Every structure is written in C-alpha cells, then in structure tokens.
Amino acid sequence: MASECLFCRIVRKEIPAAIVAENAHCIAFRDINAQAPVHVLVIPRAHIATVNEVTDYAVVAQMHALAALVVTAEGIGSRGFRMVINTNDDGGQTVFHLHMHVLGGRRMSWPPG
C-alpha cells in the first residue's frame, strides 16, 4: 500500500532523508546503505511498485533527467557512473517503489552481481 511505502513516506517528508535534488516529478536522496562513494536513489513522487507497472514512460525519462543532474552535481559524470533499476525479487529489488540507483566515485566491476 502506497501510504505505508517507505519511499512514499520520504516523498511526503514523514521520514528524513538526505535529499540531493528534486523536481516536480522526482526526488533524489542518498542511499543509507551506500555501495559506492556516491550512491543516490532517484524515485518518482508517484507510487509505482516496479518498472513493470509503468504505463507512462515519461516517468522513467524524468528519473533519468534528475539522475543526470545528480551526476553533474556529484562530479562523477566524466569519470563514469552506473544507473541501475532493480526489478522484483530476482532482480534484487527490496523496496517496492520504482527507484534508480546512481552509483559512482569508484571503479565499477563487471558482472555486477
């Protein structure tokens, strides 16, 4: 249920988060379980459980646009970074509110998991 969703509660400012950027459509905040020197989550303000439930892909474009601003602000654009959307259990999604991980500030390895 969206009203109990952790990320929805962050959007409504019921739970504190280290917000690094936001716009009318999305919000970006630092991951509390950072896997890289820069680890920011970009989420839509509207509750969408997974990428499978997206019906208007402008939402994903808005997430990407805000992520691009984060990459520039964090100074990782020229060195390189990773943007990841995990989907469902086997994809590693643990919070069922669509979100994009923006990771950088160190060399990324492959395969990722």
N, C-alpha and C. Protein backbone atom coordinates (compact mmCIF):
# COMPACT_ATOMS: atom_id res chain seq x y z
N MET A 1 0.84 -1.18 0.00
CA MET A 1 0.00 0.00 0.00
C MET A 1 0.89 1.24 0.00
N ALA A 2 0.57 2.17 -0.87
CA ALA A 2 1.39 3.38 -1.04
C ALA A 2 1.51 4.19 0.24
N SER A 3 0.47 4.22 1.05
CA SER A 3 0.52 5.05 2.26
C SER A 3 1.56 4.54 3.26
N GLU A 4 1.89 3.25 3.20
CA GLU A 4 2.87 2.66 4.11
C GLU A 4 4.23 2.49 3.47
N CYS A 5 4.35 2.76 2.19
CA CYS A 5 5.60 2.59 1.45
C CYS A 5 6.69 3.52 2.02
N LEU A 6 7.85 2.95 2.29
CA LEU A 6 8.98 3.71 2.83
C LEU A 6 9.31 4.92 1.96
N PHE A 7 9.40 4.72 0.65
CA PHE A 7 9.78 5.82 -0.23
C PHE A 7 8.66 6.85 -0.36
N CYS A 8 7.41 6.42 -0.32
CA CYS A 8 6.30 7.39 -0.32
C CYS A 8 6.37 8.25 0.93
N ARG A 9 6.74 7.66 2.04
CA ARG A 9 6.87 8.42 3.29
C ARG A 9 8.02 9.42 3.20
N ILE A 10 9.09 9.06 2.49
CA ILE A 10 10.18 10.02 2.26
C ILE A 10 9.69 11.16 1.38
N VAL A 11 8.95 10.85 0.33
CA VAL A 11 8.41 11.89 -0.56
C VAL A 11 7.54 12.86 0.25
N ARG A 12 6.72 12.33 1.17
CA ARG A 12 5.83 13.17 1.98
C ARG A 12 6.57 13.83 3.16
N LYS A 13 7.88 13.60 3.27
CA LYS A 13 8.73 14.18 4.32
C LYS A 13 8.34 13.68 5.71
N GLU A 14 7.75 12.49 5.78
CA GLU A 14 7.43 11.87 7.07
C GLU A 14 8.65 11.17 7.66
N ILE A 15 9.58 10.80 6.80
CA ILE A 15 10.84 10.17 7.19
C ILE A 15 11.96 11.03 6.63
N PRO A 16 12.95 11.37 7.45
CA PRO A 16 14.04 12.21 6.93
C PRO A 16 14.92 11.44 5.94
N ALA A 17 15.44 12.18 4.99
CA ALA A 17 16.37 11.64 4.00
C ALA A 17 17.32 12.75 3.59
N ALA A 18 18.50 12.36 3.18
CA ALA A 18 19.49 13.33 2.69
C ALA A 18 19.19 13.60 1.22
N ILE A 19 18.31 14.55 0.99
CA ILE A 19 17.87 14.88 -0.37
C ILE A 19 18.96 15.67 -1.08
N VAL A 20 19.29 15.22 -2.29
CA VAL A 20 20.33 15.92 -3.07
C VAL A 20 19.76 16.68 -4.25
N ALA A 21 18.56 16.32 -4.69
CA ALA A 21 17.91 17.02 -5.80
C ALA A 21 16.44 16.62 -5.84
N GLU A 22 15.63 17.52 -6.38
CA GLU A 22 14.22 17.18 -6.57
C GLU A 22 13.62 18.12 -7.60
N ASN A 23 12.54 17.65 -8.18
CA ASN A 23 11.77 18.48 -9.10
C ASN A 23 10.30 18.11 -8.92
N ALA A 24 9.46 18.58 -9.78
CA ALA A 24 8.02 18.33 -9.63
C ALA A 24 7.66 16.86 -9.76
N HIS A 25 8.51 16.08 -10.43
CA HIS A 25 8.18 14.68 -10.73
C HIS A 25 8.93 13.66 -9.89
N CYS A 26 10.14 14.01 -9.45
CA CYS A 26 11.03 13.03 -8.81
C CYS A 26 11.79 13.65 -7.64
N ILE A 27 12.36 12.77 -6.85
CA ILE A 27 13.20 13.18 -5.74
C ILE A 27 14.43 12.27 -5.72
N ALA A 28 15.58 12.82 -5.37
CA ALA A 28 16.83 12.05 -5.29
C ALA A 28 17.42 12.23 -3.90
N PHE A 29 17.80 11.11 -3.30
CA PHE A 29 18.37 11.15 -1.95
C PHE A 29 19.44 10.08 -1.79
N ARG A 30 20.32 10.28 -0.82
CA ARG A 30 21.42 9.35 -0.59
C ARG A 30 20.90 8.03 -0.02
N ASP A 31 21.44 6.94 -0.55
CA ASP A 31 21.09 5.61 -0.05
C ASP A 31 21.74 5.42 1.32
N ILE A 32 20.97 4.95 2.29
CA ILE A 32 21.53 4.77 3.64
C ILE A 32 22.42 3.53 3.71
N ASN A 33 22.40 2.69 2.69
CA ASN A 33 23.27 1.52 2.62
C ASN A 33 24.16 1.65 1.38
N ALA A 34 24.93 2.72 1.34
CA ALA A 34 25.72 3.07 0.16
C ALA A 34 26.68 1.96 -0.24
N GLN A 35 26.70 1.68 -1.54
CA GLN A 35 27.59 0.67 -2.12
C GLN A 35 28.73 1.29 -2.91
N ALA A 36 28.81 2.61 -2.90
CA ALA A 36 29.86 3.35 -3.59
C ALA A 36 29.97 4.72 -2.91
N PRO A 37 31.08 5.45 -3.12
CA PRO A 37 31.19 6.77 -2.52
C PRO A 37 30.00 7.68 -2.85
N VAL A 38 29.48 7.57 -4.07
CA VAL A 38 28.24 8.25 -4.44
C VAL A 38 27.21 7.16 -4.69
N HIS A 39 26.15 7.17 -3.90
CA HIS A 39 25.04 6.22 -4.10
C HIS A 39 23.76 6.97 -3.78
N VAL A 40 23.09 7.37 -4.84
CA VAL A 40 21.88 8.18 -4.73
C VAL A 40 20.73 7.40 -5.35
N LEU A 41 19.57 7.46 -4.73
CA LEU A 41 18.36 6.85 -5.27
C LEU A 41 17.50 7.94 -5.89
N VAL A 42 17.00 7.70 -7.08
CA VAL A 42 16.08 8.62 -7.76
C VAL A 42 14.75 7.90 -7.87
N ILE A 43 13.70 8.54 -7.33
CA ILE A 43 12.38 7.91 -7.32
C ILE A 43 11.33 8.87 -7.87
N PRO A 44 10.29 8.32 -8.47
CA PRO A 44 9.17 9.19 -8.85
C PRO A 44 8.38 9.56 -7.59
N ARG A 45 7.77 10.72 -7.58
CA ARG A 45 6.94 11.11 -6.44
C ARG A 45 5.70 10.22 -6.35
N ALA A 46 5.19 9.80 -7.49
CA ALA A 46 4.02 8.92 -7.51
C ALA A 46 4.46 7.49 -7.20
N HIS A 47 3.61 6.77 -6.47
CA HIS A 47 3.94 5.38 -6.15
C HIS A 47 3.69 4.48 -7.36
N ILE A 48 4.77 3.86 -7.80
CA ILE A 48 4.74 2.83 -8.84
C ILE A 48 5.61 1.72 -8.28
N ALA A 49 5.07 0.54 -8.11
CA ALA A 49 5.79 -0.53 -7.41
C ALA A 49 7.06 -0.97 -8.13
N THR A 50 6.97 -1.27 -9.41
CA THR A 50 8.12 -1.73 -10.19
C THR A 50 8.06 -1.13 -11.58
N VAL A 51 9.14 -1.30 -12.32
CA VAL A 51 9.16 -0.81 -13.69
C VAL A 51 8.10 -1.53 -14.53
N ASN A 52 7.70 -2.73 -14.12
CA ASN A 52 6.66 -3.47 -14.84
C ASN A 52 5.30 -2.77 -14.79
N GLU A 53 5.08 -1.92 -13.80
CA GLU A 53 3.81 -1.22 -13.65
C GLU A 53 3.80 0.16 -14.31
N VAL A 54 4.90 0.56 -14.90
CA VAL A 54 4.95 1.87 -15.56
C VAL A 54 4.04 1.84 -16.79
N THR A 55 3.15 2.83 -16.86
CA THR A 55 2.28 2.95 -18.04
C THR A 55 2.62 4.19 -18.85
N ASP A 56 3.25 5.16 -18.22
CA ASP A 56 3.67 6.39 -18.90
C ASP A 56 5.18 6.49 -18.74
N TYR A 57 5.91 6.17 -19.79
CA TYR A 57 7.37 6.12 -19.68
C TYR A 57 8.02 7.49 -19.56
N ALA A 58 7.23 8.54 -19.57
CA ALA A 58 7.76 9.86 -19.25
C ALA A 58 8.28 9.87 -17.81
N VAL A 59 7.71 9.03 -16.97
CA VAL A 59 8.17 8.91 -15.57
C VAL A 59 9.63 8.48 -15.55
N VAL A 60 9.97 7.47 -16.33
CA VAL A 60 11.35 6.99 -16.38
C VAL A 60 12.26 8.06 -16.98
N ALA A 61 11.78 8.79 -17.97
CA ALA A 61 12.56 9.88 -18.55
C ALA A 61 12.82 10.97 -17.51
N GLN A 62 11.83 11.28 -16.69
CA GLN A 62 12.00 12.27 -15.63
C GLN A 62 13.04 11.80 -14.61
N MET A 63 13.00 10.50 -14.27
CA MET A 63 14.00 9.94 -13.36
C MET A 63 15.40 10.08 -13.96
N HIS A 64 15.52 9.76 -15.22
CA HIS A 64 16.81 9.84 -15.91
C HIS A 64 17.31 11.29 -15.94
N ALA A 65 16.42 12.22 -16.21
CA ALA A 65 16.80 13.63 -16.25
C ALA A 65 17.32 14.11 -14.90
N LEU A 66 16.64 13.71 -13.82
CA LEU A 66 17.11 14.12 -12.49
C LEU A 66 18.43 13.43 -12.16
N ALA A 67 18.57 12.18 -12.56
CA ALA A 67 19.83 11.46 -12.35
C ALA A 67 20.98 12.18 -13.05
N ALA A 68 20.74 12.70 -14.23
CA ALA A 68 21.78 13.44 -14.96
C ALA A 68 22.23 14.67 -14.18
N LEU A 69 21.29 15.34 -13.53
CA LEU A 69 21.65 16.50 -12.70
C LEU A 69 22.47 16.06 -11.49
N VAL A 70 22.10 14.93 -10.90
CA VAL A 70 22.83 14.41 -9.74
C VAL A 70 24.26 14.06 -10.13
N VAL A 71 24.44 13.40 -11.26
CA VAL A 71 25.77 13.02 -11.73
C VAL A 71 26.65 14.24 -11.89
N THR A 72 26.10 15.30 -12.45
CA THR A 72 26.86 16.54 -12.61
C THR A 72 27.18 17.16 -11.26
N ALA A 73 26.18 17.26 -10.40
CA ALA A 73 26.37 17.89 -9.09
C ALA A 73 27.37 17.12 -8.23
N GLU A 74 27.38 15.80 -8.36
CA GLU A 74 28.29 14.97 -7.56
C GLU A 74 29.68 14.85 -8.18
N GLY A 75 29.85 15.39 -9.39
CA GLY A 75 31.17 15.40 -10.03
C GLY A 75 31.65 14.05 -10.54
N ILE A 76 30.72 13.17 -10.88
CA ILE A 76 31.14 11.84 -11.34
C ILE A 76 30.89 11.61 -12.83
N GLY A 77 30.36 12.61 -13.50
CA GLY A 77 29.99 12.44 -14.91
C GLY A 77 31.15 12.09 -15.81
N SER A 78 32.29 12.73 -15.64
CA SER A 78 33.40 12.49 -16.56
C SER A 78 34.16 11.22 -16.24
N ARG A 79 34.19 10.80 -14.97
CA ARG A 79 34.91 9.58 -14.59
C ARG A 79 34.11 8.33 -14.92
N GLY A 80 32.79 8.43 -14.78
CA GLY A 80 31.94 7.28 -15.05
C GLY A 80 31.05 6.98 -13.87
N PHE A 81 29.95 6.33 -14.17
CA PHE A 81 28.95 6.02 -13.14
C PHE A 81 28.06 4.91 -13.66
N ARG A 82 27.22 4.41 -12.78
CA ARG A 82 26.27 3.37 -13.15
C ARG A 82 24.88 3.80 -12.71
N MET A 83 23.89 3.52 -13.56
CA MET A 83 22.48 3.76 -13.22
C MET A 83 21.77 2.42 -13.34
N VAL A 84 21.10 2.00 -12.27
CA VAL A 84 20.51 0.66 -12.21
C VAL A 84 19.08 0.75 -11.69
N ILE A 85 18.17 0.00 -12.33
CA ILE A 85 16.82 -0.19 -11.81
C ILE A 85 16.65 -1.69 -11.58
N ASN A 86 16.61 -2.09 -10.31
CA ASN A 86 16.36 -3.49 -9.97
C ASN A 86 14.85 -3.72 -10.00
N THR A 87 14.44 -4.90 -10.48
CA THR A 87 13.02 -5.18 -10.60
C THR A 87 12.68 -6.55 -10.02
N ASN A 88 11.78 -6.54 -9.06
CA ASN A 88 11.28 -7.74 -8.38
C ASN A 88 12.38 -8.48 -7.62
N ASP A 89 12.01 -9.56 -6.97
CA ASP A 89 12.92 -10.26 -6.06
C ASP A 89 14.20 -10.74 -6.73
N ASP A 90 14.09 -11.46 -7.84
CA ASP A 90 15.28 -11.98 -8.50
C ASP A 90 16.17 -10.88 -9.05
N GLY A 91 15.60 -9.71 -9.31
CA GLY A 91 16.38 -8.57 -9.79
C GLY A 91 17.03 -7.79 -8.66
N GLY A 92 16.73 -8.16 -7.41
CA GLY A 92 17.34 -7.50 -6.26
C GLY A 92 16.56 -6.34 -5.70
N GLN A 93 15.31 -6.15 -6.13
CA GLN A 93 14.50 -5.04 -5.60
C GLN A 93 14.05 -5.37 -4.19
N THR A 94 14.32 -4.47 -3.25
CA THR A 94 13.92 -4.70 -1.86
C THR A 94 12.85 -3.73 -1.39
N VAL A 95 12.77 -2.57 -2.00
CA VAL A 95 11.70 -1.62 -1.70
C VAL A 95 10.85 -1.52 -2.96
N PHE A 96 9.57 -1.84 -2.82
CA PHE A 96 8.71 -1.91 -3.99
C PHE A 96 8.04 -0.56 -4.28
N HIS A 97 8.90 0.38 -4.63
CA HIS A 97 8.58 1.69 -5.17
C HIS A 97 9.68 1.90 -6.20
N LEU A 98 9.31 2.09 -7.45
CA LEU A 98 10.27 2.24 -8.52
C LEU A 98 11.40 3.18 -8.10
N HIS A 99 12.64 2.75 -8.30
CA HIS A 99 13.78 3.60 -7.97
C HIS A 99 14.99 3.24 -8.82
N MET A 100 15.79 4.25 -9.09
CA MET A 100 17.01 4.12 -9.86
C MET A 100 18.19 4.39 -8.94
N HIS A 101 19.15 3.47 -8.92
CA HIS A 101 20.39 3.68 -8.18
C HIS A 101 21.37 4.41 -9.09
N VAL A 102 21.97 5.46 -8.59
CA VAL A 102 23.04 6.17 -9.28
C VAL A 102 24.28 5.96 -8.44
N LEU A 103 25.25 5.23 -9.00
CA LEU A 103 26.46 4.87 -8.27
C LEU A 103 27.69 5.38 -8.98
N GLY A 104 28.65 5.89 -8.21
CA GLY A 104 29.89 6.37 -8.80
C GLY A 104 30.90 6.72 -7.73
N GLY A 105 32.00 7.29 -8.17
CA GLY A 105 33.06 7.68 -7.25
C GLY A 105 34.09 6.58 -7.03
N ARG A 106 33.93 5.46 -7.72
CA ARG A 106 34.91 4.37 -7.71
C ARG A 106 34.74 3.58 -9.00
N ARG A 107 35.72 2.76 -9.30
CA ARG A 107 35.65 1.91 -10.50
C ARG A 107 34.61 0.82 -10.25
N MET A 108 33.71 0.63 -11.20
CA MET A 108 32.69 -0.41 -11.12
C MET A 108 33.21 -1.69 -11.77
N SER A 109 32.87 -2.83 -11.18
CA SER A 109 33.30 -4.10 -11.76
C SER A 109 32.16 -4.72 -12.55
N TRP A 110 32.50 -5.74 -13.34
CA TRP A 110 31.51 -6.45 -14.15
C TRP A 110 31.84 -7.92 -14.14
N PRO A 111 30.93 -8.81 -13.97
CA PRO A 111 29.49 -8.55 -13.85
C PRO A 111 29.16 -8.00 -12.47
N PRO A 112 28.03 -7.27 -12.38
CA PRO A 112 27.69 -6.59 -11.13
C PRO A 112 27.18 -7.50 -10.02
N GLY A 113 26.64 -8.64 -10.30
CA GLY A 113 26.10 -9.44 -9.20
C GLY A 113 25.89 -10.81 -9.61
